[in-house]
Amino acid sequence: MEWSTALLLDIIKLTVAGSLVFLIVYLTIKPLIERSQGLKLVELKKEEMKTTLPLRLQAYERIVLFVERINPANLILRTHSQGIGVYEYQNILVNEIRNEFQHNIAQQIYLSSASWSVVKRVKEETITLINNVARNLPEDATGLDLSKTMLTHLASLDQNPYDTALEIIKQDVQKLF
């Protein structure tokens, strides 16, 4: 009995000693492993930024161009034709905006949610402006009448929605650096 008790005590001592050694080694090595993983993560993020930053900047550039192109002041200069009726010009403007938007829709992958939301909102507000102004003009109105009324409406606003959208987008770009 004494022999088995002594053996059991030796096994317990060795188990406790081994467990303590394992615990000490674990507690010593764990911070080194965590630090190494943290450094690898930082390196991965740096590599990712080298790859994605140019793509993100290009996406923001394209979206800025989109907002500028759908600004009625620029849209009218680019699309106006003499002698067309209000409804024909309305369709031209709305189709131009929708085509531009479809051309840039993939850019949302690289934009923040705030920037993409403001882009969608300014697009919808522009289409709504065109449709509302066209609806309130007489049937015999021209595309020129539509243009003048839209520009007059924009000039009467306290804050230009296109400038506001561009400011939000620029703020997001600044966060990339």
C-alpha atoms as a PDB file:
ATOM      1  CA  MET A   1       0.000   0.000   0.000  1.00  0.00           C
ATOM      2  CA  GLU A   2       2.835   2.335   0.869  1.00  0.00           C
ATOM      3  CA  TRP A   3       4.436   1.671  -2.425  1.00  0.00           C
ATOM      4  CA  SER A   4       1.281   2.532  -4.414  1.00  0.00           C
ATOM      5  CA  THR A   5       0.675   5.659  -2.302  1.00  0.00           C
ATOM      6  CA  ALA A   6       4.235   6.816  -2.912  1.00  0.00           C
ATOM      7  CA  LEU A   7       3.831   6.128  -6.627  1.00  0.00           C
ATOM      8  CA  LEU A   8       0.554   8.049  -6.700  1.00  0.00           C
ATOM      9  CA  LEU A   9       2.172  11.007  -4.887  1.00  0.00           C
ATOM     10  CA  ASP A  10       5.089  10.972  -7.352  1.00  0.00           C
ATOM     11  CA  ILE A  11       2.654  10.962 -10.285  1.00  0.00           C
ATOM     12  CA  ILE A  12       0.726  13.881  -8.752  1.00  0.00           C
ATOM     13  CA  LYS A  13       3.964  15.814  -8.138  1.00  0.00           C
ATOM     14  CA  LEU A  14       5.139  15.252 -11.702  1.00  0.00           C
ATOM     15  CA  THR A  15       1.728  16.192 -13.091  1.00  0.00           C
ATOM     16  CA  VAL A  16       1.604  19.410 -11.038  1.00  0.00           C
ATOM     17  CA  ALA A  17       5.207  20.285 -11.927  1.00  0.00           C
ATOM     18  CA  GLY A  18       4.589  19.572 -15.620  1.00  0.00           C
ATOM     19  CA  SER A  19       1.408  21.625 -15.563  1.00  0.00           C
ATOM     20  CA  LEU A  20       3.222  24.546 -13.933  1.00  0.00           C
ATOM     21  CA  VAL A  21       6.030  24.381 -16.507  1.00  0.00           C
ATOM     22  CA  PHE A  22       3.463  24.250 -19.322  1.00  0.00           C
ATOM     23  CA  LEU A  23       1.561  27.219 -17.823  1.00  0.00           C
ATOM     24  CA  ILE A  24       4.737  29.290 -17.449  1.00  0.00           C
ATOM     25  CA  VAL A  25       5.847  28.518 -21.011  1.00  0.00           C
ATOM     26  CA  TYR A  26       2.349  29.273 -22.332  1.00  0.00           C
ATOM     27  CA  LEU A  27       2.151  32.592 -20.477  1.00  0.00           C
ATOM     28  CA  THR A  28       5.627  33.527 -21.720  1.00  0.00           C
ATOM     29  CA  ILE A  29       5.090  32.569 -25.352  1.00  0.00           C
ATOM     30  CA  LYS A  30       1.487  33.803 -25.732  1.00  0.00           C
ATOM     31  CA  PRO A  31       2.377  37.545 -25.855  1.00  0.00           C
ATOM     32  CA  LEU A  32       5.146  36.820 -28.382  1.00  0.00           C
ATOM     33  CA  ILE A  33       2.730  34.935 -30.628  1.00  0.00           C
ATOM     34  CA  GLU A  34       0.096  37.669 -30.295  1.00  0.00           C
ATOM     35  CA  ARG A  35       2.663  40.349 -31.129  1.00  0.00           C
ATOM     36  CA  SER A  36       3.852  38.368 -34.128  1.00  0.00           C
ATOM     37  CA  GLN A  37       0.281  37.948 -35.349  1.00  0.00           C
ATOM     38  CA  GLY A  38      -0.336  41.661 -34.828  1.00  0.00           C
ATOM     39  CA  LEU A  39       2.725  42.543 -36.911  1.00  0.00           C
ATOM     40  CA  LYS A  40       1.615  40.172 -39.659  1.00  0.00           C
ATOM     41  CA  LEU A  41      -1.839  41.756 -39.604  1.00  0.00           C
ATOM     42  CA  VAL A  42      -0.322  45.236 -39.905  1.00  0.00           C
ATOM     43  CA  GLU A  43       1.799  44.070 -42.846  1.00  0.00           C
ATOM     44  CA  LEU A  44      -1.250  42.529 -44.522  1.00  0.00           C
ATOM     45  CA  LYS A  45      -3.181  45.759 -44.068  1.00  0.00           C
ATOM     46  CA  LYS A  46      -0.289  47.738 -45.581  1.00  0.00           C
ATOM     47  CA  GLU A  47      -0.220  45.423 -48.585  1.00  0.00           C
ATOM     48  CA  GLU A  48      -3.989  45.667 -48.910  1.00  0.00           C
ATOM     49  CA  MET A  49      -3.809  49.464 -48.804  1.00  0.00           C
ATOM     50  CA  LYS A  50      -1.183  49.454 -51.568  1.00  0.00           C
ATOM     51  CA  THR A  51      -3.605  47.490 -53.703  1.00  0.00           C
ATOM     52  CA  THR A  52      -6.968  48.969 -52.781  1.00  0.00           C
ATOM     53  CA  LEU A  53      -6.085  52.615 -52.167  1.00  0.00           C
ATOM     54  CA  PRO A  54      -5.556  53.410 -55.863  1.00  0.00           C
ATOM     55  CA  LEU A  55      -8.814  51.624 -56.711  1.00  0.00           C
ATOM     56  CA  ARG A  56     -10.695  53.481 -54.010  1.00  0.00           C
ATOM     57  CA  LEU A  57      -9.264  56.831 -55.087  1.00  0.00           C
ATOM     58  CA  GLN A  58     -10.200  56.106 -58.684  1.00  0.00           C
ATOM     59  CA  ALA A  59     -13.743  55.240 -57.574  1.00  0.00           C
ATOM     60  CA  TYR A  60     -14.036  58.499 -55.652  1.00  0.00           C
ATOM     61  CA  GLU A  61     -12.706  60.407 -58.669  1.00  0.00           C
ATOM     62  CA  ARG A  62     -15.307  58.805 -60.907  1.00  0.00           C
ATOM     63  CA  ILE A  63     -18.091  59.577 -58.438  1.00  0.00           C
ATOM     64  CA  VAL A  64     -16.989  63.212 -58.192  1.00  0.00           C
ATOM     65  CA  LEU A  65     -17.096  63.340 -61.978  1.00  0.00           C
ATOM     66  CA  PHE A  66     -20.579  61.767 -61.920  1.00  0.00           C
ATOM     67  CA  VAL A  67     -21.891  64.373 -59.459  1.00  0.00           C
ATOM     68  CA  GLU A  68     -20.388  67.152 -61.563  1.00  0.00           C
ATOM     69  CA  ARG A  69     -21.873  65.711 -64.758  1.00  0.00           C
ATOM     70  CA  ILE A  70     -25.417  65.472 -63.346  1.00  0.00           C
ATOM     71  CA  ASN A  71     -25.299  68.976 -61.913  1.00  0.00           C
ATOM     72  CA  PRO A  72     -27.944  70.694 -64.074  1.00  0.00           C
ATOM     73  CA  ALA A  73     -25.580  73.538 -64.946  1.00  0.00           C
ATOM     74  CA  ASN A  74     -23.168  71.053 -66.538  1.00  0.00           C
ATOM     75  CA  LEU A  75     -25.816  68.614 -67.741  1.00  0.00           C
ATOM     76  CA  ILE A  76     -27.632  71.334 -69.671  1.00  0.00           C
ATOM     77  CA  LEU A  77     -24.442  72.591 -71.329  1.00  0.00           C
ATOM     78  CA  ARG A  78     -23.584  69.075 -72.433  1.00  0.00           C
ATOM     79  CA  THR A  79     -27.002  67.969 -73.691  1.00  0.00           C
ATOM     80  CA  HIS A  80     -28.872  71.027 -74.909  1.00  0.00           C
ATOM     81  CA  SER A  81     -30.147  71.053 -78.480  1.00  0.00           C
ATOM     82  CA  GLN A  82     -32.044  73.892 -80.112  1.00  0.00           C
ATOM     83  CA  GLY A  83     -35.676  73.459 -81.012  1.00  0.00           C
ATOM     84  CA  ILE A  84     -36.655  70.434 -78.948  1.00  0.00           C
ATOM     85  CA  GLY A  85     -39.734  70.287 -76.784  1.00  0.00           C
ATOM     86  CA  VAL A  86     -39.820  70.191 -73.024  1.00  0.00           C
ATOM     87  CA  TYR A  87     -40.813  66.520 -72.757  1.00  0.00           C
ATOM     88  CA  GLU A  88     -38.247  65.352 -75.273  1.00  0.00           C
ATOM     89  CA  TYR A  89     -35.549  67.273 -73.415  1.00  0.00           C
ATOM     90  CA  GLN A  90     -36.823  65.931 -70.096  1.00  0.00           C
ATOM     91  CA  ASN A  91     -36.344  62.395 -71.432  1.00  0.00           C
ATOM     92  CA  ILE A  92     -32.872  63.220 -72.716  1.00  0.00           C
ATOM     93  CA  LEU A  93     -31.819  64.604 -69.324  1.00  0.00           C
ATOM     94  CA  VAL A  94     -33.285  61.753 -67.270  1.00  0.00           C
ATOM     95  CA  ASN A  95     -31.809  59.111 -69.584  1.00  0.00           C
ATOM     96  CA  GLU A  96     -28.425  60.810 -69.469  1.00  0.00           C
ATOM     97  CA  ILE A  97     -28.448  60.736 -65.653  1.00  0.00           C
ATOM     98  CA  ARG A  98     -29.557  57.100 -65.524  1.00  0.00           C
ATOM     99  CA  ASN A  99     -26.925  56.057 -68.049  1.00  0.00           C
ATOM    100  CA  GLU A 100     -24.203  57.887 -66.135  1.00  0.00           C
ATOM    101  CA  PHE A 101     -25.347  56.253 -62.915  1.00  0.00           C
ATOM    102  CA  GLN A 102     -25.391  52.771 -64.448  1.00  0.00           C
ATOM    103  CA  HIS A 103     -21.917  53.384 -65.814  1.00  0.00           C
ATOM    104  CA  ASN A 104     -20.657  54.159 -62.297  1.00  0.00           C
ATOM    105  CA  ILE A 105     -22.737  51.774 -60.198  1.00  0.00           C
ATOM    106  CA  ALA A 106     -19.844  49.400 -59.475  1.00  0.00           C
ATOM    107  CA  GLN A 107     -17.967  52.214 -57.737  1.00  0.00           C
ATOM    108  CA  GLN A 108     -20.134  51.688 -54.660  1.00  0.00           C
ATOM    109  CA  ILE A 109     -17.869  48.767 -53.732  1.00  0.00           C
ATOM    110  CA  TYR A 110     -15.056  51.192 -52.936  1.00  0.00           C
ATOM    111  CA  LEU A 111     -17.097  54.071 -51.471  1.00  0.00           C
ATOM    112  CA  SER A 112     -18.267  54.515 -47.916  1.00  0.00           C
ATOM    113  CA  SER A 113     -21.953  54.037 -47.233  1.00  0.00           C
ATOM    114  CA  ALA A 114     -22.315  57.761 -46.554  1.00  0.00           C
ATOM    115  CA  SER A 115     -20.802  58.725 -49.896  1.00  0.00           C
ATOM    116  CA  TRP A 116     -22.837  56.208 -51.849  1.00  0.00           C
ATOM    117  CA  SER A 117     -26.037  57.317 -50.105  1.00  0.00           C
ATOM    118  CA  VAL A 118     -25.411  60.958 -50.947  1.00  0.00           C
ATOM    119  CA  VAL A 119     -24.670  60.047 -54.574  1.00  0.00           C
ATOM    120  CA  LYS A 120     -27.916  58.111 -54.888  1.00  0.00           C
ATOM    121  CA  ARG A 121     -29.834  60.905 -53.177  1.00  0.00           C
ATOM    122  CA  VAL A 122     -28.449  63.659 -55.413  1.00  0.00           C
ATOM    123  CA  LYS A 123     -29.186  61.526 -58.489  1.00  0.00           C
ATOM    124  CA  GLU A 124     -32.798  60.981 -57.409  1.00  0.00           C
ATOM    125  CA  GLU A 125     -33.235  64.641 -56.445  1.00  0.00           C
ATOM    126  CA  THR A 126     -31.945  65.706 -59.852  1.00  0.00           C
ATOM    127  CA  ILE A 127     -34.373  63.425 -61.670  1.00  0.00           C
ATOM    128  CA  THR A 128     -37.196  64.648 -59.424  1.00  0.00           C
ATOM    129  CA  LEU A 129     -36.247  68.273 -60.149  1.00  0.00           C
ATOM    130  CA  ILE A 130     -36.285  67.654 -63.900  1.00  0.00           C
ATOM    131  CA  ASN A 131     -39.632  65.858 -63.762  1.00  0.00           C
ATOM    132  CA  ASN A 132     -41.288  68.428 -61.481  1.00  0.00           C
ATOM    133  CA  VAL A 133     -40.114  71.393 -63.516  1.00  0.00           C
ATOM    134  CA  ALA A 134     -41.207  69.741 -66.783  1.00  0.00           C
ATOM    135  CA  ARG A 135     -44.612  68.892 -65.312  1.00  0.00           C
ATOM    136  CA  ASN A 136     -45.196  72.510 -64.264  1.00  0.00           C
ATOM    137  CA  LEU A 137     -44.295  73.983 -67.653  1.00  0.00           C
ATOM    138  CA  PRO A 138     -46.899  74.450 -70.390  1.00  0.00           C
ATOM    139  CA  GLU A 139     -47.083  71.722 -73.048  1.00  0.00           C
ATOM    140  CA  ASP A 140     -45.722  74.030 -75.724  1.00  0.00           C
ATOM    141  CA  ALA A 141     -42.638  74.886 -73.624  1.00  0.00           C
ATOM    142  CA  THR A 142     -39.212  74.223 -75.074  1.00  0.00           C
ATOM    143  CA  GLY A 143     -36.138  72.487 -73.764  1.00  0.00           C
ATOM    144  CA  LEU A 144     -34.688  75.947 -73.258  1.00  0.00           C
ATOM    145  CA  ASP A 145     -37.606  76.814 -70.946  1.00  0.00           C
ATOM    146  CA  LEU A 146     -36.907  73.649 -68.955  1.00  0.00           C
ATOM    147  CA  SER A 147     -33.228  74.557 -68.700  1.00  0.00           C
ATOM    148  CA  LYS A 148     -33.894  78.125 -67.569  1.00  0.00           C
ATOM    149  CA  THR A 149     -36.463  77.069 -64.968  1.00  0.00           C
ATOM    150  CA  MET A 150     -34.184  74.381 -63.538  1.00  0.00           C
ATOM    151  CA  LEU A 151     -31.243  76.764 -63.269  1.00  0.00           C
ATOM    152  CA  THR A 152     -33.443  79.437 -61.684  1.00  0.00           C
ATOM    153  CA  HIS A 153     -34.650  76.911 -59.126  1.00  0.00           C
ATOM    154  CA  LEU A 154     -31.091  75.844 -58.287  1.00  0.00           C
ATOM    155  CA  ALA A 155     -29.995  79.467 -57.937  1.00  0.00           C
ATOM    156  CA  SER A 156     -32.789  80.056 -55.433  1.00  0.00           C
ATOM    157  CA  LEU A 157     -31.611  77.287 -53.080  1.00  0.00           C
ATOM    158  CA  ASP A 158     -29.738  78.301 -49.941  1.00  0.00           C
ATOM    159  CA  GLN A 159     -27.355  75.399 -50.319  1.00  0.00           C
ATOM    160  CA  ASN A 160     -26.334  73.776 -53.580  1.00  0.00           C
ATOM    161  CA  PRO A 161     -26.967  70.007 -53.185  1.00  0.00           C
ATOM    162  CA  TYR A 162     -24.141  69.172 -55.601  1.00  0.00           C
ATOM    163  CA  ASP A 163     -21.606  71.159 -53.586  1.00  0.00           C
ATOM    164  CA  THR A 164     -22.858  69.474 -50.408  1.00  0.00           C
ATOM    165  CA  ALA A 165     -22.524  66.021 -51.982  1.00  0.00           C
ATOM    166  CA  LEU A 166     -19.013  66.803 -53.178  1.00  0.00           C
ATOM    167  CA  GLU A 167     -18.030  68.027 -49.730  1.00  0.00           C
ATOM    168  CA  ILE A 168     -19.203  64.767 -48.118  1.00  0.00           C
ATOM    169  CA  ILE A 169     -17.297  62.759 -50.717  1.00  0.00           C
ATOM    170  CA  LYS A 170     -14.136  64.828 -50.176  1.00  0.00           C
ATOM    171  CA  GLN A 171     -14.375  64.291 -46.419  1.00  0.00           C
ATOM    172  CA  ASP A 172     -14.520  60.544 -47.004  1.00  0.00           C
ATOM    173  CA  VAL A 173     -11.454  60.704 -49.236  1.00  0.00           C
ATOM    174  CA  GLN A 174      -9.555  62.539 -46.490  1.00  0.00           C
ATOM    175  CA  LYS A 175     -10.291  59.621 -44.136  1.00  0.00           C
ATOM    176  CA  LEU A 176      -8.343  57.313 -46.448  1.00  0.00           C
ATOM    177  CA  PHE A 177      -5.071  59.013 -45.525  1.00  0.00           C
END
